[in-house]
Structure formats: structure tokens, C-alpha cells
N, C-alpha and C. Protein backbone atom coordinates (compact mmCIF):
# COMPACT_ATOMS: atom_id res chain seq x y z
N UNK A 1 95.63 113.34 84.35
CA UNK A 1 94.79 112.20 84.68
C UNK A 1 95.31 111.55 85.92
N UNK A 2 94.42 110.89 86.68
CA UNK A 2 94.85 110.17 87.86
C UNK A 2 94.31 108.76 87.81
N UNK A 3 95.04 107.80 88.35
CA UNK A 3 94.54 106.44 88.31
C UNK A 3 94.96 105.68 89.54
N UNK A 4 93.98 104.94 90.12
CA UNK A 4 94.26 104.01 91.19
C UNK A 4 94.83 102.76 90.55
N UNK A 5 95.98 102.30 91.02
CA UNK A 5 96.61 101.11 90.48
C UNK A 5 96.06 99.87 91.17
N UNK A 6 96.40 98.64 90.71
CA UNK A 6 95.67 97.44 91.11
C UNK A 6 95.45 97.21 92.60
N UNK A 7 96.27 97.78 93.49
CA UNK A 7 96.11 97.50 94.91
C UNK A 7 94.93 98.25 95.52
N UNK A 8 94.32 99.18 94.77
CA UNK A 8 93.13 99.89 95.25
C UNK A 8 92.04 99.74 94.21
N UNK A 9 90.80 100.14 94.54
CA UNK A 9 89.68 99.70 93.72
C UNK A 9 88.91 100.79 93.00
N UNK A 10 89.19 102.07 93.24
CA UNK A 10 88.37 103.11 92.62
C UNK A 10 89.23 104.07 91.81
N UNK A 11 88.65 104.62 90.74
CA UNK A 11 89.29 105.69 90.01
C UNK A 11 88.93 107.02 90.67
N UNK A 12 89.92 107.89 90.87
CA UNK A 12 89.69 109.17 91.50
C UNK A 12 90.39 110.26 90.71
N UNK A 13 89.97 111.50 90.92
CA UNK A 13 90.72 112.62 90.38
C UNK A 13 91.71 113.07 91.43
N UNK A 14 92.79 113.73 91.02
CA UNK A 14 93.84 114.11 91.97
C UNK A 14 94.17 115.57 91.85
N UNK A 15 94.57 116.18 92.99
CA UNK A 15 95.08 117.54 92.97
C UNK A 15 96.22 117.63 93.96
N UNK A 16 97.31 118.31 93.63
CA UNK A 16 98.44 118.48 94.53
C UNK A 16 98.50 119.92 94.97
N UNK A 17 99.41 120.23 95.93
CA UNK A 17 99.42 121.53 96.58
C UNK A 17 99.71 122.67 95.63
N UNK A 18 100.36 122.38 94.50
CA UNK A 18 100.71 123.46 93.59
C UNK A 18 99.67 123.58 92.48
N UNK A 19 98.41 123.33 92.83
CA UNK A 19 97.27 123.45 91.93
C UNK A 19 97.42 122.57 90.70
N UNK A 20 97.83 121.33 90.93
CA UNK A 20 97.85 120.34 89.88
C UNK A 20 96.52 119.61 89.92
N UNK A 21 95.99 119.25 88.76
CA UNK A 21 94.72 118.52 88.74
C UNK A 21 94.75 117.52 87.61
N UNK A 22 93.97 116.43 87.77
CA UNK A 22 93.97 115.41 86.73
C UNK A 22 92.63 114.72 86.65
N UNK A 23 92.46 113.93 85.58
CA UNK A 23 91.23 113.18 85.35
C UNK A 23 91.53 111.68 85.36
N UNK A 24 90.49 110.85 85.62
CA UNK A 24 90.69 109.41 85.60
C UNK A 24 91.12 108.92 84.22
N UNK A 25 91.88 107.84 84.19
CA UNK A 25 92.32 107.22 82.95
C UNK A 25 91.89 105.78 82.93
N UNK A 26 91.65 105.20 81.73
CA UNK A 26 91.28 103.79 81.68
C UNK A 26 92.40 102.93 82.23
N UNK A 27 92.03 101.82 82.86
CA UNK A 27 93.03 100.89 83.37
C UNK A 27 93.76 100.25 82.19
N UNK A 28 95.10 100.17 82.21
CA UNK A 28 95.81 99.57 81.10
C UNK A 28 95.51 98.09 80.99
N UNK A 29 95.70 97.55 79.79
CA UNK A 29 95.44 96.14 79.56
C UNK A 29 96.37 95.27 80.40
N UNK A 30 95.88 94.10 80.78
CA UNK A 30 96.71 93.18 81.55
C UNK A 30 97.86 92.68 80.69
N UNK A 31 99.02 92.52 81.31
CA UNK A 31 100.19 92.04 80.60
C UNK A 31 100.84 90.93 81.40
N UNK A 32 101.63 90.12 80.71
CA UNK A 32 102.39 89.08 81.40
C UNK A 32 103.41 89.71 82.33
N UNK A 33 103.59 89.12 83.50
CA UNK A 33 104.59 89.62 84.43
C UNK A 33 105.74 88.64 84.58
N UNK A 34 105.97 87.83 83.54
CA UNK A 34 107.09 86.89 83.57
C UNK A 34 108.40 87.64 83.56
N UNK A 35 109.47 87.08 84.17
CA UNK A 35 110.76 87.75 84.16
C UNK A 35 111.18 88.10 82.75
N UNK A 36 111.74 89.32 82.58
CA UNK A 36 112.06 89.81 81.24
C UNK A 36 113.43 89.38 80.77
N UNK A 37 114.40 89.29 81.67
CA UNK A 37 115.77 89.03 81.25
C UNK A 37 115.98 87.55 80.96
N UNK A 38 116.77 87.26 79.95
CA UNK A 38 117.18 85.92 79.62
C UNK A 38 118.67 85.82 79.82
N UNK A 39 119.22 84.58 80.03
CA UNK A 39 120.66 84.45 80.21
C UNK A 39 121.41 85.08 79.05
N UNK A 40 122.53 85.72 79.34
CA UNK A 40 123.34 86.38 78.32
C UNK A 40 124.73 85.79 78.35
N UNK A 41 125.45 86.00 77.28
CA UNK A 41 126.83 85.56 77.20
C UNK A 41 127.73 86.76 77.15
N UNK A 42 129.02 86.54 77.37
CA UNK A 42 129.97 87.65 77.38
C UNK A 42 130.08 88.29 76.01
N UNK A 43 129.67 87.57 74.94
CA UNK A 43 129.76 88.14 73.60
C UNK A 43 128.55 88.98 73.25
N UNK A 44 127.53 89.01 74.13
CA UNK A 44 126.35 89.82 73.88
C UNK A 44 126.69 91.30 73.97
N UNK A 45 126.37 92.13 72.94
CA UNK A 45 126.65 93.56 73.01
C UNK A 45 125.99 94.18 74.24
N UNK A 46 126.64 95.13 74.92
CA UNK A 46 126.08 95.73 76.13
C UNK A 46 124.67 96.25 75.94
N UNK A 47 124.38 96.91 74.81
CA UNK A 47 123.07 97.51 74.62
C UNK A 47 121.96 96.47 74.54
N UNK A 48 122.34 95.19 74.20
CA UNK A 48 121.33 94.17 74.05
C UNK A 48 121.07 93.40 75.34
N UNK A 49 121.86 93.65 76.37
CA UNK A 49 121.74 92.87 77.59
C UNK A 49 120.53 93.26 78.43
N UNK A 50 120.15 94.52 78.39
CA UNK A 50 118.96 94.98 79.08
C UNK A 50 118.01 95.54 78.02
N UNK A 51 116.82 94.98 77.92
CA UNK A 51 115.88 95.41 76.89
C UNK A 51 114.58 95.86 77.55
N UNK A 52 114.11 97.04 77.16
CA UNK A 52 112.87 97.55 77.71
C UNK A 52 113.01 97.89 79.18
N UNK A 53 111.90 98.30 79.79
CA UNK A 53 111.90 98.63 81.21
C UNK A 53 111.66 97.38 82.03
N UNK A 54 112.52 97.16 83.02
CA UNK A 54 112.41 96.01 83.91
C UNK A 54 112.34 96.50 85.35
N UNK A 55 111.39 95.98 86.11
CA UNK A 55 111.25 96.31 87.52
C UNK A 55 111.78 95.14 88.35
N UNK A 56 112.66 95.45 89.30
CA UNK A 56 113.27 94.43 90.15
C UNK A 56 112.75 94.55 91.58
N UNK A 57 112.49 93.39 92.19
CA UNK A 57 112.17 93.31 93.61
C UNK A 57 113.23 92.44 94.26
N UNK A 58 113.96 93.00 95.23
CA UNK A 58 115.06 92.29 95.87
C UNK A 58 114.57 91.49 97.07
N UNK A 59 115.44 90.61 97.55
CA UNK A 59 115.07 89.73 98.66
C UNK A 59 114.70 90.51 99.91
N UNK A 60 115.27 91.71 100.08
CA UNK A 60 114.96 92.54 101.26
C UNK A 60 113.80 93.49 101.02
N UNK A 61 113.11 93.37 99.88
CA UNK A 61 111.93 94.19 99.61
C UNK A 61 112.19 95.46 98.83
N UNK A 62 113.44 95.82 98.61
CA UNK A 62 113.76 97.02 97.83
C UNK A 62 113.32 96.82 96.38
N UNK A 63 112.68 97.85 95.81
CA UNK A 63 112.22 97.79 94.43
C UNK A 63 112.82 98.95 93.64
N UNK A 64 113.15 98.67 92.38
CA UNK A 64 113.67 99.70 91.49
C UNK A 64 113.45 99.27 90.06
N UNK A 65 113.55 100.21 89.13
CA UNK A 65 113.39 99.89 87.72
C UNK A 65 114.62 100.34 86.94
N UNK A 66 114.88 99.67 85.82
CA UNK A 66 115.97 100.05 84.92
C UNK A 66 115.46 100.01 83.50
N UNK A 67 116.04 100.87 82.66
CA UNK A 67 115.73 100.85 81.23
C UNK A 67 116.95 101.34 80.47
N UNK A 68 117.18 100.81 79.26
CA UNK A 68 118.32 101.24 78.47
C UNK A 68 118.18 102.70 78.04
N UNK A 69 119.29 103.41 78.01
CA UNK A 69 119.33 104.79 77.50
C UNK A 69 120.62 104.92 76.71
N UNK A 70 120.58 104.47 75.45
CA UNK A 70 121.80 104.42 74.65
C UNK A 70 122.72 103.35 75.19
N UNK A 71 123.97 103.71 75.46
CA UNK A 71 124.93 102.77 76.03
C UNK A 71 124.89 102.76 77.55
N UNK A 72 124.03 103.57 78.14
CA UNK A 72 123.93 103.62 79.60
C UNK A 72 122.61 103.02 80.05
N UNK A 73 122.38 103.08 81.36
CA UNK A 73 121.19 102.50 81.94
C UNK A 73 120.56 103.53 82.88
N UNK A 74 119.26 103.77 82.72
CA UNK A 74 118.54 104.68 83.61
C UNK A 74 117.94 103.87 84.74
N UNK A 75 118.34 104.16 85.97
CA UNK A 75 117.86 103.45 87.15
C UNK A 75 116.98 104.38 87.97
N UNK A 76 115.83 103.88 88.41
CA UNK A 76 114.89 104.70 89.18
C UNK A 76 114.48 103.96 90.45
N UNK A 77 114.68 104.62 91.59
CA UNK A 77 114.14 104.19 92.88
C UNK A 77 113.13 105.24 93.31
N UNK A 78 112.30 104.94 94.32
CA UNK A 78 111.35 105.95 94.76
C UNK A 78 112.02 107.28 95.10
N UNK A 79 113.18 107.24 95.76
CA UNK A 79 113.79 108.46 96.27
C UNK A 79 114.82 109.10 95.36
N UNK A 80 115.23 108.44 94.28
CA UNK A 80 116.26 109.02 93.43
C UNK A 80 116.30 108.33 92.08
N UNK A 81 116.99 108.98 91.13
CA UNK A 81 117.22 108.41 89.81
C UNK A 81 118.68 108.60 89.46
N UNK A 82 119.23 107.70 88.64
CA UNK A 82 120.63 107.78 88.28
C UNK A 82 120.84 107.22 86.89
N UNK A 83 121.82 107.77 86.18
CA UNK A 83 122.25 107.26 84.88
C UNK A 83 123.54 106.49 85.09
N UNK A 84 123.53 105.20 84.75
CA UNK A 84 124.66 104.32 84.99
C UNK A 84 125.36 103.98 83.68
N UNK A 85 126.68 104.02 83.68
CA UNK A 85 127.47 103.68 82.49
C UNK A 85 127.83 102.20 82.51
N UNK A 86 127.91 101.59 81.33
CA UNK A 86 128.30 100.19 81.25
C UNK A 86 129.78 100.04 81.59
N UNK A 87 130.09 99.01 82.42
CA UNK A 87 131.47 98.72 82.78
C UNK A 87 131.75 97.26 82.49
N UNK A 88 133.01 96.92 82.31
CA UNK A 88 133.40 95.56 82.00
C UNK A 88 133.06 94.63 83.16
N UNK A 89 132.62 93.41 82.81
CA UNK A 89 132.27 92.43 83.82
C UNK A 89 132.65 91.05 83.30
N UNK A 90 133.10 90.17 84.21
CA UNK A 90 133.47 88.82 83.80
C UNK A 90 132.27 88.04 83.27
N UNK A 91 131.08 88.37 83.78
CA UNK A 91 129.87 87.73 83.29
C UNK A 91 128.69 88.66 83.56
N UNK A 92 127.62 88.46 82.81
CA UNK A 92 126.44 89.28 82.99
C UNK A 92 126.64 90.70 82.50
N UNK A 93 125.77 91.59 82.95
CA UNK A 93 125.81 93.01 82.57
C UNK A 93 125.99 93.85 83.81
N UNK A 94 126.93 94.79 83.76
CA UNK A 94 127.24 95.61 84.93
C UNK A 94 127.25 97.08 84.53
N UNK A 95 126.62 97.92 85.37
CA UNK A 95 126.54 99.36 85.13
C UNK A 95 126.82 100.07 86.45
N UNK A 96 127.49 101.21 86.39
CA UNK A 96 127.85 101.89 87.63
C UNK A 96 127.99 103.39 87.41
N UNK A 97 127.81 104.14 88.50
CA UNK A 97 128.05 105.59 88.53
C UNK A 97 128.13 106.00 90.00
N UNK A 98 129.26 106.57 90.40
CA UNK A 98 129.42 107.00 91.78
C UNK A 98 129.26 105.83 92.75
N UNK A 99 128.34 105.98 93.71
CA UNK A 99 128.14 104.95 94.73
C UNK A 99 127.06 103.95 94.35
N UNK A 100 126.66 103.92 93.06
CA UNK A 100 125.60 103.03 92.61
C UNK A 100 126.16 102.02 91.61
N UNK A 101 125.94 100.73 91.85
CA UNK A 101 126.35 99.68 90.93
C UNK A 101 125.20 98.69 90.75
N UNK A 102 124.86 98.45 89.50
CA UNK A 102 123.81 97.47 89.16
C UNK A 102 124.48 96.35 88.36
N UNK A 103 124.20 95.10 88.74
CA UNK A 103 124.76 93.95 88.04
C UNK A 103 123.67 92.94 87.84
N UNK A 104 123.54 92.41 86.62
CA UNK A 104 122.50 91.41 86.35
C UNK A 104 123.09 90.25 85.57
N UNK A 105 122.51 89.10 85.81
CA UNK A 105 122.86 87.89 85.07
C UNK A 105 121.64 87.01 85.03
N UNK A 106 121.18 86.71 83.82
CA UNK A 106 119.95 85.95 83.71
C UNK A 106 118.77 86.75 84.22
N UNK A 107 117.94 86.15 85.06
CA UNK A 107 116.73 86.81 85.54
C UNK A 107 116.91 87.46 86.91
N UNK A 108 118.13 87.44 87.47
CA UNK A 108 118.37 88.04 88.78
C UNK A 108 119.41 89.14 88.68
N UNK A 109 119.40 90.01 89.68
CA UNK A 109 120.32 91.15 89.69
C UNK A 109 120.66 91.50 91.12
N UNK A 110 121.64 92.39 91.27
CA UNK A 110 121.97 92.96 92.58
C UNK A 110 122.18 94.45 92.40
N UNK A 111 122.03 95.18 93.50
CA UNK A 111 122.18 96.63 93.48
C UNK A 111 122.97 97.07 94.70
N UNK A 112 124.06 97.80 94.48
CA UNK A 112 124.81 98.44 95.56
C UNK A 112 124.54 99.93 95.50
N UNK A 113 124.07 100.51 96.60
CA UNK A 113 123.76 101.92 96.62
C UNK A 113 123.89 102.46 98.05
N UNK A 114 124.56 103.58 98.18
CA UNK A 114 124.76 104.22 99.49
C UNK A 114 125.35 103.26 100.52
N UNK A 115 126.24 102.37 100.07
CA UNK A 115 126.88 101.44 100.98
C UNK A 115 126.06 100.21 101.32
N UNK A 116 124.83 100.10 100.82
CA UNK A 116 123.98 98.95 101.08
C UNK A 116 124.02 98.00 99.89
N UNK A 117 123.98 96.69 100.15
CA UNK A 117 124.05 95.67 99.10
C UNK A 117 122.73 94.93 99.07
N UNK A 118 122.00 95.04 97.96
CA UNK A 118 120.70 94.40 97.80
C UNK A 118 120.85 93.26 96.78
N UNK A 119 120.52 92.05 97.19
CA UNK A 119 120.73 90.87 96.35
C UNK A 119 119.41 90.14 96.12
N UNK A 120 119.49 89.11 95.27
CA UNK A 120 118.31 88.31 94.97
C UNK A 120 117.20 89.11 94.35
N UNK A 121 117.54 90.05 93.47
CA UNK A 121 116.55 90.94 92.85
C UNK A 121 115.99 90.28 91.59
N UNK A 122 114.72 89.91 91.60
CA UNK A 122 114.07 89.26 90.47
C UNK A 122 113.41 90.31 89.58
N UNK A 123 113.59 90.19 88.27
CA UNK A 123 113.09 91.19 87.33
C UNK A 123 111.81 90.78 86.63
N UNK A 124 110.95 91.77 86.40
CA UNK A 124 109.74 91.58 85.61
C UNK A 124 109.61 92.70 84.60
N UNK A 125 109.15 92.37 83.41
CA UNK A 125 109.01 93.36 82.34
C UNK A 125 107.84 94.29 82.62
N UNK A 126 108.01 95.58 82.30
CA UNK A 126 106.93 96.57 82.40
C UNK A 126 106.69 97.14 81.01
N UNK A 127 105.46 96.98 80.52
CA UNK A 127 105.17 97.38 79.15
C UNK A 127 104.97 98.87 78.97
N UNK A 128 104.62 99.60 80.06
CA UNK A 128 104.41 101.04 79.96
C UNK A 128 104.61 101.65 81.36
N UNK A 129 104.62 103.00 81.47
CA UNK A 129 104.85 103.61 82.79
C UNK A 129 103.83 103.24 83.85
N UNK A 130 102.57 102.97 83.46
CA UNK A 130 101.56 102.59 84.44
C UNK A 130 101.90 101.23 85.04
N UNK A 131 102.30 100.29 84.19
CA UNK A 131 102.66 98.96 84.69
C UNK A 131 103.94 99.02 85.52
N UNK A 132 104.87 99.87 85.11
CA UNK A 132 106.09 100.07 85.90
C UNK A 132 105.74 100.55 87.31
N UNK A 133 104.85 101.55 87.40
CA UNK A 133 104.44 102.08 88.70
C UNK A 133 103.78 101.00 89.55
N UNK A 134 102.90 100.19 88.95
CA UNK A 134 102.22 99.14 89.69
C UNK A 134 103.21 98.12 90.24
N UNK A 135 104.19 97.72 89.43
CA UNK A 135 105.19 96.75 89.88
C UNK A 135 106.08 97.33 90.97
N UNK A 136 106.25 98.66 90.99
CA UNK A 136 107.03 99.31 92.03
C UNK A 136 106.25 99.46 93.33
N UNK A 137 104.96 99.05 93.31
CA UNK A 137 104.14 99.12 94.52
C UNK A 137 103.32 100.39 94.64
N UNK A 138 103.34 101.25 93.61
CA UNK A 138 102.57 102.49 93.66
C UNK A 138 101.08 102.17 93.70
N UNK A 139 100.34 102.82 94.61
CA UNK A 139 98.91 102.59 94.76
C UNK A 139 98.08 103.62 94.00
N UNK A 140 98.61 104.83 93.86
CA UNK A 140 97.89 105.88 93.14
C UNK A 140 98.89 106.69 92.33
N UNK A 141 98.55 106.95 91.06
CA UNK A 141 99.39 107.80 90.21
C UNK A 141 98.51 108.84 89.54
N UNK A 142 98.97 110.10 89.54
CA UNK A 142 98.32 111.19 88.81
C UNK A 142 99.34 111.79 87.86
N UNK A 143 98.89 112.19 86.67
CA UNK A 143 99.79 112.79 85.70
C UNK A 143 99.15 114.04 85.11
N UNK A 144 99.97 114.96 84.65
CA UNK A 144 99.48 116.18 84.02
C UNK A 144 100.48 116.69 83.00
N UNK A 145 100.13 117.77 82.34
CA UNK A 145 100.94 118.30 81.26
C UNK A 145 101.17 119.79 81.43
N UNK A 146 102.11 120.29 80.62
CA UNK A 146 102.41 121.72 80.46
C UNK A 146 102.73 122.42 81.78
N UNK A 147 103.87 122.19 82.40
CA UNK A 147 104.84 121.16 82.01
C UNK A 147 104.47 119.80 82.58
N UNK A 148 105.02 118.74 82.02
CA UNK A 148 104.66 117.39 82.43
C UNK A 148 105.02 117.11 83.88
N UNK A 149 104.14 116.42 84.60
CA UNK A 149 104.39 116.08 85.99
C UNK A 149 103.70 114.76 86.34
N UNK A 150 104.19 114.09 87.39
CA UNK A 150 103.54 112.91 87.94
C UNK A 150 103.58 112.98 89.46
N UNK A 151 102.58 112.41 90.09
CA UNK A 151 102.57 112.21 91.54
C UNK A 151 102.32 110.73 91.78
N UNK A 152 103.22 110.08 92.51
CA UNK A 152 103.07 108.67 92.87
C UNK A 152 102.93 108.56 94.38
N UNK A 153 102.04 107.67 94.83
CA UNK A 153 101.74 107.55 96.24
C UNK A 153 101.72 106.09 96.65
N UNK A 154 102.43 105.78 97.74
CA UNK A 154 102.29 104.51 98.45
C UNK A 154 101.85 104.89 99.86
N UNK A 155 100.60 104.64 100.18
CA UNK A 155 99.99 105.13 101.41
C UNK A 155 100.80 104.71 102.63
N UNK A 156 101.16 105.71 103.46
CA UNK A 156 101.89 105.45 104.68
C UNK A 156 103.38 105.26 104.50
N UNK A 157 103.85 105.20 103.26
CA UNK A 157 105.27 104.92 103.02
C UNK A 157 105.98 106.08 102.34
N UNK A 158 105.48 106.53 101.17
CA UNK A 158 106.14 107.66 100.50
C UNK A 158 105.25 108.30 99.45
N UNK A 159 105.57 109.56 99.15
CA UNK A 159 104.98 110.31 98.05
C UNK A 159 106.13 110.85 97.21
N UNK A 160 105.96 110.79 95.89
CA UNK A 160 106.99 111.35 95.00
C UNK A 160 106.34 112.25 93.96
N UNK A 161 106.87 113.45 93.81
CA UNK A 161 106.43 114.38 92.77
C UNK A 161 107.59 114.58 91.80
N UNK A 162 107.32 114.37 90.53
CA UNK A 162 108.31 114.63 89.47
C UNK A 162 107.69 115.65 88.52
N UNK A 163 108.30 116.83 88.42
CA UNK A 163 107.74 117.89 87.60
C UNK A 163 108.71 118.41 86.56
N UNK A 164 108.22 119.33 85.74
CA UNK A 164 109.05 119.95 84.70
C UNK A 164 109.72 118.91 83.82
N UNK A 165 108.93 117.90 83.43
CA UNK A 165 109.43 116.83 82.56
C UNK A 165 110.64 116.13 83.15
N UNK A 166 110.66 115.96 84.48
CA UNK A 166 111.73 115.23 85.13
C UNK A 166 112.79 116.09 85.77
N UNK A 167 112.80 117.40 85.51
CA UNK A 167 113.84 118.28 86.05
C UNK A 167 113.69 118.50 87.55
N UNK A 168 112.45 118.42 88.07
CA UNK A 168 112.19 118.61 89.50
C UNK A 168 111.73 117.29 90.11
N UNK A 169 112.37 116.87 91.21
CA UNK A 169 112.00 115.64 91.90
C UNK A 169 111.86 115.93 93.39
N UNK A 170 110.72 115.61 93.98
CA UNK A 170 110.48 115.76 95.41
C UNK A 170 110.04 114.41 95.96
N UNK A 171 110.73 113.95 96.99
CA UNK A 171 110.41 112.65 97.60
C UNK A 171 110.22 112.85 99.09
N UNK A 172 109.11 112.33 99.61
CA UNK A 172 108.80 112.47 101.04
C UNK A 172 108.42 111.12 101.61
N UNK A 173 109.18 110.62 102.59
CA UNK A 173 108.80 109.36 103.24
C UNK A 173 107.71 109.59 104.27
N UNK A 174 107.00 108.54 104.61
CA UNK A 174 106.01 108.53 105.69
C UNK A 174 105.02 109.68 105.62
N UNK A 175 104.27 109.84 104.51
CA UNK A 175 103.25 110.89 104.47
C UNK A 175 102.14 110.61 105.49
N UNK A 176 101.58 111.69 106.03
CA UNK A 176 100.54 111.57 107.05
C UNK A 176 99.17 111.74 106.39
N UNK A 177 98.29 110.75 106.56
CA UNK A 177 96.96 110.85 105.97
C UNK A 177 96.09 111.75 106.83
N UNK A 178 95.38 112.67 106.18
CA UNK A 178 94.51 113.61 106.88
C UNK A 178 93.15 113.63 106.19
N UNK A 179 92.15 114.14 106.91
CA UNK A 179 90.81 114.27 106.34
C UNK A 179 90.74 115.55 105.52
N UNK A 180 90.35 115.40 104.28
CA UNK A 180 90.28 116.56 103.40
C UNK A 180 88.90 117.17 103.36
N UNK A 181 88.78 118.22 102.58
CA UNK A 181 87.51 118.91 102.40
C UNK A 181 87.31 119.14 100.91
N UNK A 182 86.10 118.86 100.39
CA UNK A 182 84.86 118.45 101.05
C UNK A 182 84.91 117.01 101.54
N UNK A 183 83.86 116.56 102.26
CA UNK A 183 83.82 115.19 102.76
C UNK A 183 84.07 114.19 101.63
N UNK A 184 84.80 113.13 101.96
CA UNK A 184 85.15 112.13 100.96
C UNK A 184 86.52 112.33 100.36
N UNK A 185 87.11 113.51 100.60
CA UNK A 185 88.45 113.78 100.10
C UNK A 185 89.48 113.12 101.01
N UNK A 186 90.46 112.47 100.41
CA UNK A 186 91.57 111.88 101.16
C UNK A 186 92.79 112.76 100.94
N UNK A 187 93.40 113.20 102.04
CA UNK A 187 94.55 114.08 101.93
C UNK A 187 95.79 113.46 102.54
N UNK A 188 96.96 113.91 102.07
CA UNK A 188 98.24 113.46 102.60
C UNK A 188 99.13 114.69 102.78
N UNK A 189 99.74 114.79 103.96
CA UNK A 189 100.68 115.87 104.25
C UNK A 189 102.07 115.28 104.42
N UNK A 190 103.07 115.94 103.85
CA UNK A 190 104.44 115.50 103.99
C UNK A 190 105.34 116.73 103.92
N UNK A 191 106.62 116.52 104.16
CA UNK A 191 107.59 117.62 104.14
C UNK A 191 108.83 117.18 103.38
N UNK A 192 109.32 118.05 102.50
CA UNK A 192 110.53 117.78 101.72
C UNK A 192 111.50 118.93 101.93
N UNK A 193 112.59 118.66 102.64
CA UNK A 193 113.61 119.68 102.89
C UNK A 193 113.00 120.96 103.43
N UNK A 194 112.10 120.82 104.39
CA UNK A 194 111.47 121.97 105.02
C UNK A 194 110.33 122.58 104.24
N UNK A 195 109.99 122.02 103.10
CA UNK A 195 108.89 122.55 102.28
C UNK A 195 107.70 121.60 102.35
N UNK A 196 106.48 122.13 102.48
CA UNK A 196 105.31 121.25 102.57
C UNK A 196 104.95 120.65 101.21
N UNK A 197 104.54 119.40 101.25
CA UNK A 197 104.01 118.72 100.07
C UNK A 197 102.66 118.13 100.45
N UNK A 198 101.61 118.56 99.77
CA UNK A 198 100.26 118.12 100.09
C UNK A 198 99.61 117.54 98.85
N UNK A 199 98.92 116.43 99.05
CA UNK A 199 98.19 115.77 97.96
C UNK A 199 96.76 115.54 98.43
N UNK A 200 95.78 115.87 97.59
CA UNK A 200 94.38 115.58 97.87
C UNK A 200 93.83 114.70 96.76
N UNK A 201 93.09 113.67 97.15
CA UNK A 201 92.47 112.75 96.19
C UNK A 201 90.98 112.76 96.46
N UNK A 202 90.22 113.04 95.42
CA UNK A 202 88.77 113.08 95.60
C UNK A 202 88.07 112.62 94.33
N UNK A 203 86.87 112.11 94.49
CA UNK A 203 86.07 111.62 93.37
C UNK A 203 85.17 112.75 92.88
N UNK A 204 85.40 113.22 91.67
CA UNK A 204 84.61 114.31 91.09
C UNK A 204 84.48 114.06 89.58
N UNK A 205 83.42 114.60 88.96
CA UNK A 205 83.37 114.57 87.50
C UNK A 205 84.55 115.36 86.94
N UNK A 206 85.15 114.86 85.89
CA UNK A 206 86.34 115.51 85.31
C UNK A 206 86.02 115.95 83.89
N UNK A 207 86.24 117.24 83.60
CA UNK A 207 85.95 117.79 82.29
C UNK A 207 87.22 118.40 81.72
């Protein structure tokens, strides 16, 4: 299935270069976008400090999502994903792995990644993957099965393909919009490590 998220206005079907296809899906119900995190104390168990999926937008515009995965934290950015382990902190909740460190206290957080420090990150709860994608700024999402895959698009900024139930991840910045065929088709061309990635979006009956 494919769905235009709130920043665009039409439902379309989607197809990607590897013969992926999808059908429109109903728009999910509206949900509150109030900050999800509440102040925590040092006595709060680590697993209880982050609940559900939360999408953060930092002061510099960087967006990412986090969700609990046992005693660790699953962090997702457009270009990468990481599993972070809980580490001791004087206050708040802190998780780290390699060059990635996430720290939260109350409704704000910070993220250190690849030597960059992102601060003033405000969190909002995401009730399902569609809402998570919308809060991350995704304009179009298509999904399919056998094996499971998703395509996320932010026009002019990036395209991300996640396939094989998450085992394959392709991220391409600055996709180029092209005219597709038949008329009315919107196409995007990008390149990932020397490999072409093409997405076509068109309005068709879906069976």
C-alpha cells in the first residue's frame, strides 16, 4: 500500500525500481501530538524512562525517532539506524553505542552522532509507523509484503528503501524529480553507492 502523508493531498499507488507495487491505504486517525516524555527521577527503572515510539525534532532541524527494545533503545534517522545500550547517567536517561549517544530528561533530549551535537530536541509521541513517518517529515510512504519493505520520500531531500524486513537499507540524498510514463506519473531518480534507485508514483486503480 502507498499513502501520501499530511503534507500532500492525494492518495497514490507506488512502484519502485525493483518491481515493488502498492495500493492506497486509509489515512490513520488523528492523534494528539503532545510531548510524550514526562520528567523522570534517578530511581526510575531504565526500561520505564522511554515509553513507546517518540519522534524528536532538534533546534537545528534534525529529526529522529526512538523506541524501547528491551533494555536498549532503537534509534532511527533517515540515513541510518542504531541499537543503543542504557548507560549510567547522573540524571535523565542516557543510551549509547559507538559514536552515537542519546540523552533525555523530561520532554527534551540531545543526540551526539558522527561528531555532531544536536540539542534542544523536543519529543512527540507517535502512535503507529504512519504517524512516526509523518512526524519525521515523510511526504509519501509505500509499503509491501513478502518480504516486507517500505519506501519513504521527502521530495528534493531524500529517499529511503528498507527491505527484507529491515535487513536491507538504502538511503539516497537529493533525489532528482523526473517526468514519468504514462502522463501523470511522478518519478524520482537517485543513486546509492553507485547503484540506481528509482521510484515512480502514479494514480491508478489498485486491485
